[in-house]
Amino acid sequence: YENPWTIPNILSMARMGLAPVLGYLILEENFSVALGVFVLAGITDLLDGFIARNWANQKSALGSALDPLADKILISVLYVSLTCANLIPVPLTSMIVLRDVALIAAVFYVRYKTLSPPRTLSRYFNPCYATAQLKPTFISKTNTPVIEVYIASLAAPVFNYVDSIYLQTLWFITAFTTVTSAYSYYHYGRKTVQVINNK
């Protein structure tokens, strides 16, 4: 049983809240403001990780799931909206969104399997009951910066390099690391979950 209202968890929830705002701005083609919101979301990502690593009382099992969940929601919304704005190819977005949906479904499954009886809805969705700690694989850690660098293509219409060959090269790099990351979770799935002993 732990306090869910830590600063890193609040920052992760704020990042989730910024996702639909960012998507709306992109669909409205307000790319300059959208870029600013994306930078703000990136700052919350850096801060929650820094605080959780350096202050033990701010680290939580919930945070180990909430932080990557916030990242995946933000990335998925960003990719879908950029695809609708014709700035990212559909196949790449489909690949990333499908991977993230599968990972989110896996998190819900792990929560169900590690929750001690009785498995009621109130206990299942109660963030105070910590049941498992999630640890990302090495490949998934290396994949995240590549995705975030590529998402910086949001800046392409702002700085007029939409047709850059370097941007297209990043598409292929991101596609490769996404597939590799998905495989690493499939292959090393059990090693990424540390069940908390609730005695």
N, C-alpha and C. Protein backbone atom coordinates (compact mmCIF):
# COMPACT_ATOMS: atom_id res chain seq x y z
N TYR A 1 0.86 -1.18 0.00
CA TYR A 1 0.00 0.00 0.00
C TYR A 1 0.89 1.23 0.00
N GLU A 2 0.69 2.12 -0.99
CA GLU A 2 1.57 3.28 -1.11
C GLU A 2 0.78 4.52 -1.50
N ASN A 3 1.39 5.66 -1.26
CA ASN A 3 0.77 6.94 -1.60
C ASN A 3 0.95 7.19 -3.10
N PRO A 4 -0.17 7.29 -3.85
CA PRO A 4 -0.04 7.51 -5.30
C PRO A 4 0.25 8.96 -5.67
N TRP A 5 0.07 9.88 -4.72
CA TRP A 5 0.18 11.31 -5.04
C TRP A 5 1.60 11.82 -4.85
N THR A 6 2.53 11.19 -5.55
CA THR A 6 3.91 11.67 -5.54
C THR A 6 4.08 12.68 -6.67
N ILE A 7 5.11 13.49 -6.58
CA ILE A 7 5.36 14.51 -7.62
C ILE A 7 5.57 13.85 -9.00
N PRO A 8 6.39 12.77 -9.11
CA PRO A 8 6.55 12.13 -10.42
C PRO A 8 5.23 11.62 -11.00
N ASN A 9 4.36 11.07 -10.15
CA ASN A 9 3.07 10.56 -10.64
C ASN A 9 2.18 11.70 -11.12
N ILE A 10 2.20 12.82 -10.40
CA ILE A 10 1.42 14.00 -10.82
C ILE A 10 1.93 14.54 -12.15
N LEU A 11 3.27 14.54 -12.32
CA LEU A 11 3.85 15.00 -13.58
C LEU A 11 3.47 14.07 -14.73
N SER A 12 3.43 12.75 -14.45
CA SER A 12 3.03 11.79 -15.49
C SER A 12 1.58 12.01 -15.89
N MET A 13 0.71 12.26 -14.90
CA MET A 13 -0.70 12.52 -15.20
C MET A 13 -0.87 13.83 -15.97
N ALA A 14 -0.03 14.82 -15.65
CA ALA A 14 -0.06 16.08 -16.40
C ALA A 14 0.32 15.85 -17.85
N ARG A 15 1.30 14.96 -18.07
CA ARG A 15 1.72 14.64 -19.43
C ARG A 15 0.58 13.98 -20.20
N MET A 16 -0.17 13.12 -19.53
CA MET A 16 -1.35 12.51 -20.18
C MET A 16 -2.36 13.59 -20.57
N GLY A 17 -2.53 14.57 -19.68
CA GLY A 17 -3.47 15.65 -19.96
C GLY A 17 -3.05 16.53 -21.12
N LEU A 18 -1.74 16.62 -21.34
CA LEU A 18 -1.24 17.44 -22.45
C LEU A 18 -1.43 16.76 -23.81
N ALA A 19 -1.58 15.43 -23.79
CA ALA A 19 -1.68 14.67 -25.05
C ALA A 19 -2.83 15.14 -25.94
N PRO A 20 -4.08 15.21 -25.43
CA PRO A 20 -5.16 15.67 -26.32
C PRO A 20 -5.01 17.12 -26.76
N VAL A 21 -4.41 17.96 -25.89
CA VAL A 21 -4.16 19.36 -26.26
C VAL A 21 -3.21 19.41 -27.44
N LEU A 22 -2.17 18.60 -27.36
CA LEU A 22 -1.17 18.54 -28.43
C LEU A 22 -1.80 18.05 -29.73
N GLY A 23 -2.62 17.01 -29.63
CA GLY A 23 -3.29 16.47 -30.81
C GLY A 23 -4.19 17.50 -31.47
N TYR A 24 -4.92 18.24 -30.66
CA TYR A 24 -5.83 19.27 -31.19
C TYR A 24 -5.05 20.36 -31.92
N LEU A 25 -3.96 20.79 -31.32
CA LEU A 25 -3.16 21.86 -31.94
C LEU A 25 -2.59 21.43 -33.29
N ILE A 26 -2.17 20.16 -33.37
CA ILE A 26 -1.62 19.65 -34.63
C ILE A 26 -2.70 19.57 -35.70
N LEU A 27 -3.87 19.07 -35.33
CA LEU A 27 -4.98 18.97 -36.28
C LEU A 27 -5.42 20.34 -36.77
N GLU A 28 -5.25 21.34 -35.91
CA GLU A 28 -5.58 22.72 -36.30
C GLU A 28 -4.42 23.38 -37.04
N GLU A 29 -3.32 22.63 -37.24
CA GLU A 29 -2.12 23.08 -37.91
C GLU A 29 -1.47 24.29 -37.22
N ASN A 30 -1.61 24.31 -35.90
CA ASN A 30 -0.96 25.35 -35.11
C ASN A 30 0.36 24.76 -34.60
N PHE A 31 1.29 24.54 -35.52
CA PHE A 31 2.49 23.76 -35.22
C PHE A 31 3.44 24.46 -34.26
N SER A 32 3.51 25.76 -34.29
CA SER A 32 4.43 26.48 -33.41
C SER A 32 4.04 26.30 -31.94
N VAL A 33 2.75 26.47 -31.64
CA VAL A 33 2.27 26.28 -30.26
C VAL A 33 2.37 24.81 -29.87
N ALA A 34 2.07 23.92 -30.83
CA ALA A 34 2.16 22.48 -30.57
C ALA A 34 3.58 22.09 -30.19
N LEU A 35 4.54 22.68 -30.86
CA LEU A 35 5.94 22.41 -30.54
C LEU A 35 6.27 22.84 -29.12
N GLY A 36 5.73 23.98 -28.71
CA GLY A 36 5.94 24.45 -27.34
C GLY A 36 5.33 23.52 -26.32
N VAL A 37 4.12 23.01 -26.60
CA VAL A 37 3.45 22.08 -25.69
C VAL A 37 4.23 20.77 -25.61
N PHE A 38 4.77 20.34 -26.76
CA PHE A 38 5.57 19.11 -26.77
C PHE A 38 6.83 19.26 -25.91
N VAL A 39 7.47 20.42 -26.00
CA VAL A 39 8.66 20.68 -25.18
C VAL A 39 8.29 20.65 -23.70
N LEU A 40 7.14 21.22 -23.36
CA LEU A 40 6.66 21.20 -21.97
C LEU A 40 6.43 19.77 -21.50
N ALA A 41 5.83 18.95 -22.36
CA ALA A 41 5.60 17.55 -22.02
C ALA A 41 6.93 16.82 -21.82
N GLY A 42 7.91 17.16 -22.65
CA GLY A 42 9.24 16.56 -22.51
C GLY A 42 9.91 16.93 -21.19
N ILE A 43 9.68 18.16 -20.76
CA ILE A 43 10.25 18.61 -19.48
C ILE A 43 9.63 17.83 -18.32
N THR A 44 8.32 17.58 -18.37
CA THR A 44 7.68 16.80 -17.30
C THR A 44 8.24 15.38 -17.28
N ASP A 45 8.57 14.85 -18.45
CA ASP A 45 9.13 13.50 -18.54
C ASP A 45 10.51 13.46 -17.88
N LEU A 46 11.33 14.45 -18.17
CA LEU A 46 12.67 14.51 -17.56
C LEU A 46 12.59 14.70 -16.05
N LEU A 47 11.69 15.57 -15.61
CA LEU A 47 11.57 15.88 -14.20
C LEU A 47 11.08 14.69 -13.37
N ASP A 48 10.05 13.98 -13.88
CA ASP A 48 9.52 12.88 -13.06
C ASP A 48 10.56 11.77 -12.89
N GLY A 49 11.35 11.52 -13.93
CA GLY A 49 12.40 10.51 -13.82
C GLY A 49 13.51 10.94 -12.87
N PHE A 50 13.89 12.22 -12.97
CA PHE A 50 14.95 12.76 -12.11
C PHE A 50 14.55 12.72 -10.64
N ILE A 51 13.32 13.13 -10.35
CA ILE A 51 12.84 13.16 -8.96
C ILE A 51 12.72 11.75 -8.39
N ALA A 52 12.19 10.83 -9.19
CA ALA A 52 12.02 9.45 -8.71
C ALA A 52 13.36 8.78 -8.44
N ARG A 53 14.37 9.12 -9.22
CA ARG A 53 15.69 8.51 -9.03
C ARG A 53 16.44 9.07 -7.82
N ASN A 54 16.19 10.33 -7.50
CA ASN A 54 16.99 11.00 -6.47
C ASN A 54 16.31 11.13 -5.11
N TRP A 55 15.01 10.91 -5.04
CA TRP A 55 14.31 10.95 -3.76
C TRP A 55 13.53 9.66 -3.57
N ALA A 56 13.97 8.84 -2.63
CA ALA A 56 13.39 7.50 -2.43
C ALA A 56 11.90 7.56 -2.09
N ASN A 57 11.48 8.59 -1.35
CA ASN A 57 10.07 8.68 -0.96
C ASN A 57 9.16 9.09 -2.12
N GLN A 58 9.76 9.45 -3.27
CA GLN A 58 8.99 9.83 -4.46
C GLN A 58 8.91 8.69 -5.48
N LYS A 59 9.59 7.60 -5.18
CA LYS A 59 9.58 6.45 -6.10
C LYS A 59 8.43 5.52 -5.71
N SER A 60 7.72 5.00 -6.68
CA SER A 60 6.59 4.12 -6.40
C SER A 60 6.41 3.09 -7.49
N ALA A 61 5.76 1.99 -7.12
CA ALA A 61 5.46 0.95 -8.10
C ALA A 61 4.48 1.48 -9.14
N LEU A 62 3.52 2.31 -8.68
CA LEU A 62 2.57 2.92 -9.62
C LEU A 62 3.31 3.76 -10.65
N GLY A 63 4.32 4.50 -10.18
CA GLY A 63 5.09 5.35 -11.09
C GLY A 63 5.81 4.57 -12.16
N SER A 64 6.24 3.33 -11.82
CA SER A 64 6.95 2.50 -12.80
C SER A 64 6.06 2.13 -13.97
N ALA A 65 4.73 2.14 -13.74
CA ALA A 65 3.78 1.86 -14.82
C ALA A 65 3.21 3.15 -15.42
N LEU A 66 3.02 4.15 -14.55
CA LEU A 66 2.38 5.40 -14.99
C LEU A 66 3.26 6.20 -15.94
N ASP A 67 4.56 6.23 -15.66
CA ASP A 67 5.49 7.00 -16.50
C ASP A 67 5.52 6.48 -17.94
N PRO A 68 5.77 5.17 -18.17
CA PRO A 68 5.75 4.69 -19.56
C PRO A 68 4.36 4.76 -20.19
N LEU A 69 3.30 4.62 -19.37
CA LEU A 69 1.95 4.73 -19.91
C LEU A 69 1.70 6.13 -20.44
N ALA A 70 2.13 7.14 -19.67
CA ALA A 70 1.98 8.53 -20.11
C ALA A 70 2.76 8.77 -21.40
N ASP A 71 3.98 8.20 -21.47
CA ASP A 71 4.79 8.34 -22.68
C ASP A 71 4.09 7.75 -23.89
N LYS A 72 3.52 6.55 -23.70
CA LYS A 72 2.90 5.86 -24.83
C LYS A 72 1.63 6.56 -25.29
N ILE A 73 0.86 7.11 -24.35
CA ILE A 73 -0.33 7.86 -24.72
C ILE A 73 0.07 9.11 -25.50
N LEU A 74 1.06 9.83 -24.99
CA LEU A 74 1.52 11.05 -25.66
C LEU A 74 2.05 10.74 -27.06
N ILE A 75 2.89 9.71 -27.16
CA ILE A 75 3.49 9.35 -28.44
C ILE A 75 2.42 8.90 -29.44
N SER A 76 1.47 8.08 -28.97
CA SER A 76 0.42 7.58 -29.86
C SER A 76 -0.44 8.73 -30.39
N VAL A 77 -0.86 9.64 -29.50
CA VAL A 77 -1.67 10.79 -29.93
C VAL A 77 -0.88 11.65 -30.90
N LEU A 78 0.39 11.85 -30.60
CA LEU A 78 1.24 12.67 -31.46
C LEU A 78 1.40 12.06 -32.84
N TYR A 79 1.65 10.76 -32.89
CA TYR A 79 1.83 10.10 -34.17
C TYR A 79 0.55 10.11 -35.01
N VAL A 80 -0.58 9.80 -34.37
CA VAL A 80 -1.85 9.77 -35.11
C VAL A 80 -2.19 11.15 -35.66
N SER A 81 -2.03 12.18 -34.83
CA SER A 81 -2.37 13.54 -35.28
C SER A 81 -1.40 14.03 -36.37
N LEU A 82 -0.11 13.68 -36.24
CA LEU A 82 0.85 14.06 -37.28
C LEU A 82 0.59 13.32 -38.59
N THR A 83 0.09 12.10 -38.48
CA THR A 83 -0.27 11.35 -39.69
C THR A 83 -1.47 11.99 -40.36
N CYS A 84 -2.45 12.41 -39.55
CA CYS A 84 -3.63 13.10 -40.11
C CYS A 84 -3.22 14.41 -40.79
N ALA A 85 -2.12 15.00 -40.30
CA ALA A 85 -1.62 16.25 -40.90
C ALA A 85 -0.64 15.98 -42.04
N ASN A 86 -0.54 14.69 -42.44
CA ASN A 86 0.33 14.26 -43.55
C ASN A 86 1.81 14.57 -43.31
N LEU A 87 2.25 14.42 -42.06
CA LEU A 87 3.66 14.66 -41.73
C LEU A 87 4.39 13.37 -41.38
N ILE A 88 3.65 12.29 -41.20
CA ILE A 88 4.24 10.98 -40.89
C ILE A 88 3.51 9.93 -41.72
N PRO A 89 4.23 8.96 -42.29
CA PRO A 89 3.56 7.93 -43.10
C PRO A 89 2.68 7.01 -42.25
N VAL A 90 1.57 6.60 -42.82
CA VAL A 90 0.59 5.75 -42.11
C VAL A 90 1.19 4.43 -41.61
N PRO A 91 1.99 3.70 -42.43
CA PRO A 91 2.53 2.42 -41.94
C PRO A 91 3.35 2.55 -40.67
N LEU A 92 4.15 3.61 -40.56
CA LEU A 92 4.98 3.80 -39.37
C LEU A 92 4.11 4.06 -38.14
N THR A 93 3.11 4.90 -38.30
CA THR A 93 2.21 5.20 -37.19
C THR A 93 1.46 3.95 -36.76
N SER A 94 0.99 3.17 -37.71
CA SER A 94 0.26 1.93 -37.40
C SER A 94 1.14 0.98 -36.58
N MET A 95 2.40 0.88 -36.98
CA MET A 95 3.35 0.00 -36.30
C MET A 95 3.54 0.43 -34.84
N ILE A 96 3.72 1.72 -34.62
CA ILE A 96 3.99 2.23 -33.28
C ILE A 96 2.75 2.13 -32.39
N VAL A 97 1.59 2.50 -32.93
CA VAL A 97 0.36 2.46 -32.14
C VAL A 97 0.00 1.02 -31.76
N LEU A 98 0.14 0.09 -32.70
CA LEU A 98 -0.17 -1.32 -32.40
C LEU A 98 0.75 -1.86 -31.32
N ARG A 99 2.04 -1.50 -31.38
CA ARG A 99 2.96 -1.95 -30.34
C ARG A 99 2.56 -1.41 -28.98
N ASP A 100 2.21 -0.12 -28.93
CA ASP A 100 1.87 0.50 -27.66
C ASP A 100 0.55 -0.02 -27.10
N VAL A 101 -0.42 -0.28 -27.97
CA VAL A 101 -1.68 -0.86 -27.51
C VAL A 101 -1.44 -2.25 -26.90
N ALA A 102 -0.57 -3.03 -27.54
CA ALA A 102 -0.25 -4.37 -27.02
C ALA A 102 0.44 -4.27 -25.66
N LEU A 103 1.34 -3.30 -25.49
CA LEU A 103 2.04 -3.14 -24.22
C LEU A 103 1.10 -2.67 -23.11
N ILE A 104 0.19 -1.76 -23.44
CA ILE A 104 -0.77 -1.29 -22.45
C ILE A 104 -1.70 -2.43 -22.02
N ALA A 105 -2.13 -3.25 -22.99
CA ALA A 105 -2.96 -4.41 -22.67
C ALA A 105 -2.20 -5.37 -21.76
N ALA A 106 -0.90 -5.53 -22.01
CA ALA A 106 -0.07 -6.40 -21.18
C ALA A 106 0.02 -5.89 -19.74
N VAL A 107 0.09 -4.57 -19.58
CA VAL A 107 0.15 -3.97 -18.24
C VAL A 107 -1.14 -4.27 -17.47
N PHE A 108 -2.29 -4.15 -18.13
CA PHE A 108 -3.56 -4.46 -17.48
C PHE A 108 -3.64 -5.94 -17.11
N TYR A 109 -3.10 -6.79 -17.96
CA TYR A 109 -3.10 -8.23 -17.68
C TYR A 109 -2.21 -8.54 -16.48
N VAL A 110 -1.03 -7.92 -16.43
CA VAL A 110 -0.12 -8.11 -15.30
C VAL A 110 -0.77 -7.65 -14.01
N ARG A 111 -1.47 -6.53 -14.06
CA ARG A 111 -2.18 -6.02 -12.88
C ARG A 111 -3.19 -7.05 -12.38
N TYR A 112 -3.93 -7.63 -13.30
CA TYR A 112 -4.94 -8.63 -12.92
C TYR A 112 -4.30 -9.87 -12.31
N LYS A 113 -3.21 -10.34 -12.93
CA LYS A 113 -2.57 -11.58 -12.47
C LYS A 113 -1.86 -11.40 -11.13
N THR A 114 -1.37 -10.20 -10.83
CA THR A 114 -0.59 -9.99 -9.61
C THR A 114 -1.44 -9.46 -8.45
N LEU A 115 -2.70 -9.15 -8.71
CA LEU A 115 -3.58 -8.66 -7.65
C LEU A 115 -4.12 -9.84 -6.86
N SER A 116 -3.91 -9.81 -5.55
CA SER A 116 -4.38 -10.91 -4.71
C SER A 116 -5.90 -10.87 -4.57
N PRO A 117 -6.55 -12.03 -4.40
CA PRO A 117 -8.01 -12.06 -4.22
C PRO A 117 -8.42 -11.29 -2.96
N PRO A 118 -9.60 -10.72 -2.94
CA PRO A 118 -10.61 -10.72 -4.01
C PRO A 118 -10.28 -9.69 -5.09
N ARG A 119 -10.42 -10.07 -6.36
CA ARG A 119 -10.11 -9.18 -7.47
C ARG A 119 -11.34 -8.36 -7.85
N THR A 120 -11.63 -7.35 -7.05
CA THR A 120 -12.76 -6.48 -7.32
C THR A 120 -12.30 -5.29 -8.16
N LEU A 121 -13.26 -4.63 -8.80
CA LEU A 121 -12.92 -3.46 -9.63
C LEU A 121 -12.32 -2.34 -8.79
N SER A 122 -12.85 -2.16 -7.57
CA SER A 122 -12.34 -1.08 -6.72
C SER A 122 -10.89 -1.33 -6.32
N ARG A 123 -10.52 -2.60 -6.05
CA ARG A 123 -9.15 -2.91 -5.71
C ARG A 123 -8.25 -2.87 -6.96
N TYR A 124 -8.80 -3.33 -8.08
CA TYR A 124 -8.03 -3.37 -9.33
C TYR A 124 -7.59 -1.97 -9.74
N PHE A 125 -8.50 -1.00 -9.63
CA PHE A 125 -8.20 0.35 -10.08
C PHE A 125 -7.73 1.28 -8.95
N ASN A 126 -7.54 0.71 -7.77
CA ASN A 126 -7.04 1.52 -6.65
C ASN A 126 -5.52 1.64 -6.76
N PRO A 127 -5.00 2.83 -7.07
CA PRO A 127 -3.56 2.97 -7.28
C PRO A 127 -2.73 2.81 -6.01
N CYS A 128 -3.39 2.78 -4.86
CA CYS A 128 -2.65 2.64 -3.60
C CYS A 128 -2.14 1.21 -3.41
N TYR A 129 -2.79 0.24 -4.06
CA TYR A 129 -2.37 -1.15 -3.94
C TYR A 129 -1.32 -1.46 -5.00
N ALA A 130 -0.07 -1.51 -4.57
CA ALA A 130 1.03 -1.81 -5.50
C ALA A 130 1.22 -3.32 -5.59
N THR A 131 1.22 -3.86 -6.81
CA THR A 131 1.35 -5.31 -6.97
C THR A 131 2.56 -5.71 -7.80
N ALA A 132 3.06 -4.82 -8.64
CA ALA A 132 4.20 -5.18 -9.49
C ALA A 132 4.99 -3.95 -9.88
N GLN A 133 6.28 -4.16 -10.07
CA GLN A 133 7.19 -3.10 -10.52
C GLN A 133 7.60 -3.44 -11.95
N LEU A 134 7.49 -2.48 -12.85
CA LEU A 134 7.83 -2.73 -14.25
C LEU A 134 9.21 -2.18 -14.57
N LYS A 135 9.99 -2.97 -15.27
CA LYS A 135 11.34 -2.57 -15.67
C LYS A 135 11.47 -2.66 -17.19
N PRO A 136 11.70 -1.54 -17.86
CA PRO A 136 11.82 -1.58 -19.32
C PRO A 136 13.07 -2.33 -19.76
N THR A 137 12.99 -2.95 -20.93
CA THR A 137 14.16 -3.65 -21.46
C THR A 137 15.17 -2.64 -21.99
N PHE A 138 16.41 -3.08 -22.16
CA PHE A 138 17.46 -2.19 -22.66
C PHE A 138 17.09 -1.64 -24.04
N ILE A 139 16.56 -2.51 -24.90
CA ILE A 139 16.23 -2.09 -26.27
C ILE A 139 15.11 -1.05 -26.24
N SER A 140 14.13 -1.23 -25.35
CA SER A 140 13.04 -0.27 -25.28
C SER A 140 13.54 1.08 -24.78
N LYS A 141 14.55 1.07 -23.89
CA LYS A 141 15.13 2.33 -23.43
C LYS A 141 15.83 3.06 -24.57
N THR A 142 16.53 2.31 -25.42
CA THR A 142 17.22 2.95 -26.54
C THR A 142 16.22 3.37 -27.60
N ASN A 143 15.04 2.74 -27.64
CA ASN A 143 14.04 3.08 -28.63
C ASN A 143 13.35 4.40 -28.31
N THR A 144 13.16 4.70 -27.02
CA THR A 144 12.44 5.90 -26.63
C THR A 144 13.10 7.18 -27.14
N PRO A 145 14.41 7.38 -26.99
CA PRO A 145 15.01 8.61 -27.52
C PRO A 145 14.87 8.73 -29.03
N VAL A 146 14.95 7.61 -29.73
CA VAL A 146 14.82 7.65 -31.19
C VAL A 146 13.43 8.14 -31.58
N ILE A 147 12.41 7.62 -30.87
CA ILE A 147 11.05 8.06 -31.15
C ILE A 147 10.91 9.54 -30.84
N GLU A 148 11.46 9.97 -29.71
CA GLU A 148 11.31 11.37 -29.33
C GLU A 148 12.07 12.30 -30.28
N VAL A 149 13.22 11.84 -30.76
CA VAL A 149 13.95 12.65 -31.74
C VAL A 149 13.13 12.75 -33.02
N TYR A 150 12.53 11.61 -33.40
CA TYR A 150 11.75 11.64 -34.63
C TYR A 150 10.50 12.49 -34.48
N ILE A 151 9.91 12.43 -33.30
CA ILE A 151 8.71 13.24 -33.07
C ILE A 151 9.05 14.72 -33.16
N ALA A 152 10.31 15.03 -33.01
CA ALA A 152 10.73 16.42 -33.19
C ALA A 152 10.49 16.86 -34.63
N SER A 153 10.10 15.92 -35.48
CA SER A 153 9.71 16.28 -36.85
C SER A 153 8.46 17.17 -36.82
N LEU A 154 7.86 17.25 -35.63
CA LEU A 154 6.80 18.23 -35.45
C LEU A 154 7.31 19.62 -35.80
N ALA A 155 8.61 19.80 -35.62
CA ALA A 155 9.22 21.10 -35.94
C ALA A 155 9.41 21.30 -37.44
N ALA A 156 9.24 20.22 -38.23
CA ALA A 156 9.50 20.31 -39.67
C ALA A 156 8.70 21.41 -40.37
N PRO A 157 7.36 21.49 -40.16
CA PRO A 157 6.63 22.56 -40.83
C PRO A 157 6.95 23.95 -40.28
N VAL A 158 7.45 23.99 -39.04
CA VAL A 158 7.81 25.29 -38.44
C VAL A 158 9.09 25.83 -39.07
N PHE A 159 10.07 24.91 -39.28
CA PHE A 159 11.38 25.33 -39.80
C PHE A 159 11.59 24.92 -41.27
N ASN A 160 10.51 24.48 -41.91
CA ASN A 160 10.51 24.21 -43.36
C ASN A 160 11.54 23.15 -43.81
N TYR A 161 11.47 21.96 -43.20
CA TYR A 161 12.29 20.86 -43.70
C TYR A 161 11.48 19.56 -43.79
N VAL A 162 10.22 19.71 -44.19
CA VAL A 162 9.30 18.58 -44.27
C VAL A 162 9.81 17.49 -45.20
N ASP A 163 10.43 17.86 -46.32
CA ASP A 163 10.89 16.88 -47.31
C ASP A 163 12.36 16.48 -47.14
N SER A 164 12.92 16.73 -45.96
CA SER A 164 14.32 16.43 -45.73
C SER A 164 14.61 14.93 -45.79
N ILE A 165 15.72 14.55 -46.45
CA ILE A 165 16.13 13.14 -46.53
C ILE A 165 16.51 12.62 -45.15
N TYR A 166 16.98 13.51 -44.27
CA TYR A 166 17.35 13.09 -42.91
C TYR A 166 16.11 12.68 -42.11
N LEU A 167 15.03 13.38 -42.35
CA LEU A 167 13.77 13.05 -41.68
C LEU A 167 13.28 11.68 -42.15
N GLN A 168 13.38 11.43 -43.44
CA GLN A 168 12.96 10.14 -43.99
C GLN A 168 13.85 9.00 -43.49
N THR A 169 15.13 9.29 -43.30
CA THR A 169 16.04 8.29 -42.74
C THR A 169 15.62 7.93 -41.32
N LEU A 170 15.19 8.94 -40.56
CA LEU A 170 14.73 8.69 -39.19
C LEU A 170 13.48 7.83 -39.16
N TRP A 171 12.66 7.89 -40.22
CA TRP A 171 11.49 7.01 -40.30
C TRP A 171 11.94 5.55 -40.24
N PHE A 172 12.95 5.23 -41.04
CA PHE A 172 13.42 3.84 -41.11
C PHE A 172 14.10 3.42 -39.81
N ILE A 173 14.87 4.32 -39.20
CA ILE A 173 15.51 4.00 -37.92
C ILE A 173 14.46 3.73 -36.85
N THR A 174 13.43 4.58 -36.81
CA THR A 174 12.37 4.43 -35.82
C THR A 174 11.59 3.14 -36.05
N ALA A 175 11.31 2.82 -37.30
CA ALA A 175 10.60 1.57 -37.61
C ALA A 175 11.40 0.37 -37.13
N PHE A 176 12.71 0.38 -37.39
CA PHE A 176 13.57 -0.74 -36.98
C PHE A 176 13.60 -0.88 -35.46
N THR A 177 13.81 0.23 -34.74
CA THR A 177 13.90 0.13 -33.27
C THR A 177 12.54 -0.22 -32.65
N THR A 178 11.46 0.18 -33.30
CA THR A 178 10.12 -0.16 -32.79
C THR A 178 9.88 -1.66 -32.86
N VAL A 179 10.22 -2.25 -34.01
CA VAL A 179 10.07 -3.71 -34.17
C VAL A 179 10.98 -4.45 -33.19
N THR A 180 12.22 -3.98 -33.05
CA THR A 180 13.17 -4.61 -32.14
C THR A 180 12.70 -4.50 -30.69
N SER A 181 12.15 -3.35 -30.33
CA SER A 181 11.64 -3.13 -28.98
C SER A 181 10.46 -4.05 -28.68
N ALA A 182 9.54 -4.17 -29.65
CA ALA A 182 8.38 -5.06 -29.46
C ALA A 182 8.83 -6.50 -29.27
N TYR A 183 9.82 -6.92 -30.04
CA TYR A 183 10.32 -8.29 -29.90
C TYR A 183 10.99 -8.49 -28.53
N SER A 184 11.72 -7.48 -28.05
CA SER A 184 12.40 -7.61 -26.77
C SER A 184 11.41 -7.78 -25.63
N TYR A 185 10.26 -7.07 -25.71
CA TYR A 185 9.23 -7.24 -24.69
C TYR A 185 8.60 -8.62 -24.78
N TYR A 186 8.43 -9.11 -26.00
CA TYR A 186 7.85 -10.45 -26.17
C TYR A 186 8.81 -11.52 -25.65
N HIS A 187 10.09 -11.36 -25.97
CA HIS A 187 11.09 -12.38 -25.63
C HIS A 187 11.47 -12.35 -24.15
N TYR A 188 11.60 -11.12 -23.60
CA TYR A 188 12.04 -10.99 -22.21
C TYR A 188 10.91 -10.51 -21.30
N GLY A 189 9.68 -10.75 -21.71
CA GLY A 189 8.52 -10.21 -21.00
C GLY A 189 8.51 -10.46 -19.51
N ARG A 190 8.78 -11.68 -19.08
CA ARG A 190 8.70 -12.00 -17.65
C ARG A 190 9.77 -11.29 -16.84
N LYS A 191 10.89 -11.01 -17.47
CA LYS A 191 11.99 -10.34 -16.75
C LYS A 191 11.71 -8.86 -16.54
N THR A 192 10.71 -8.31 -17.24
CA THR A 192 10.40 -6.89 -17.08
C THR A 192 9.41 -6.65 -15.94
N VAL A 193 8.89 -7.72 -15.37
CA VAL A 193 7.90 -7.59 -14.29
C VAL A 193 8.46 -8.15 -13.00
N GLN A 194 8.49 -7.33 -11.96
CA GLN A 194 8.93 -7.78 -10.64
C GLN A 194 7.71 -7.72 -9.71
N VAL A 195 7.21 -8.89 -9.33
CA VAL A 195 6.03 -8.98 -8.48
C VAL A 195 6.40 -8.57 -7.05
N ILE A 196 5.57 -7.71 -6.47
CA ILE A 196 5.80 -7.28 -5.10
C ILE A 196 5.14 -8.27 -4.15
N ASN A 197 5.89 -8.72 -3.18
CA ASN A 197 5.39 -9.73 -2.23
C ASN A 197 4.52 -9.04 -1.18
N ASN A 198 3.20 -9.22 -1.30
CA ASN A 198 2.27 -8.58 -0.38
C ASN A 198 1.87 -9.51 0.74
N LYS A 199 2.67 -9.59 1.75
CA LYS A 199 2.35 -10.45 2.89
C LYS A 199 1.75 -9.62 4.01
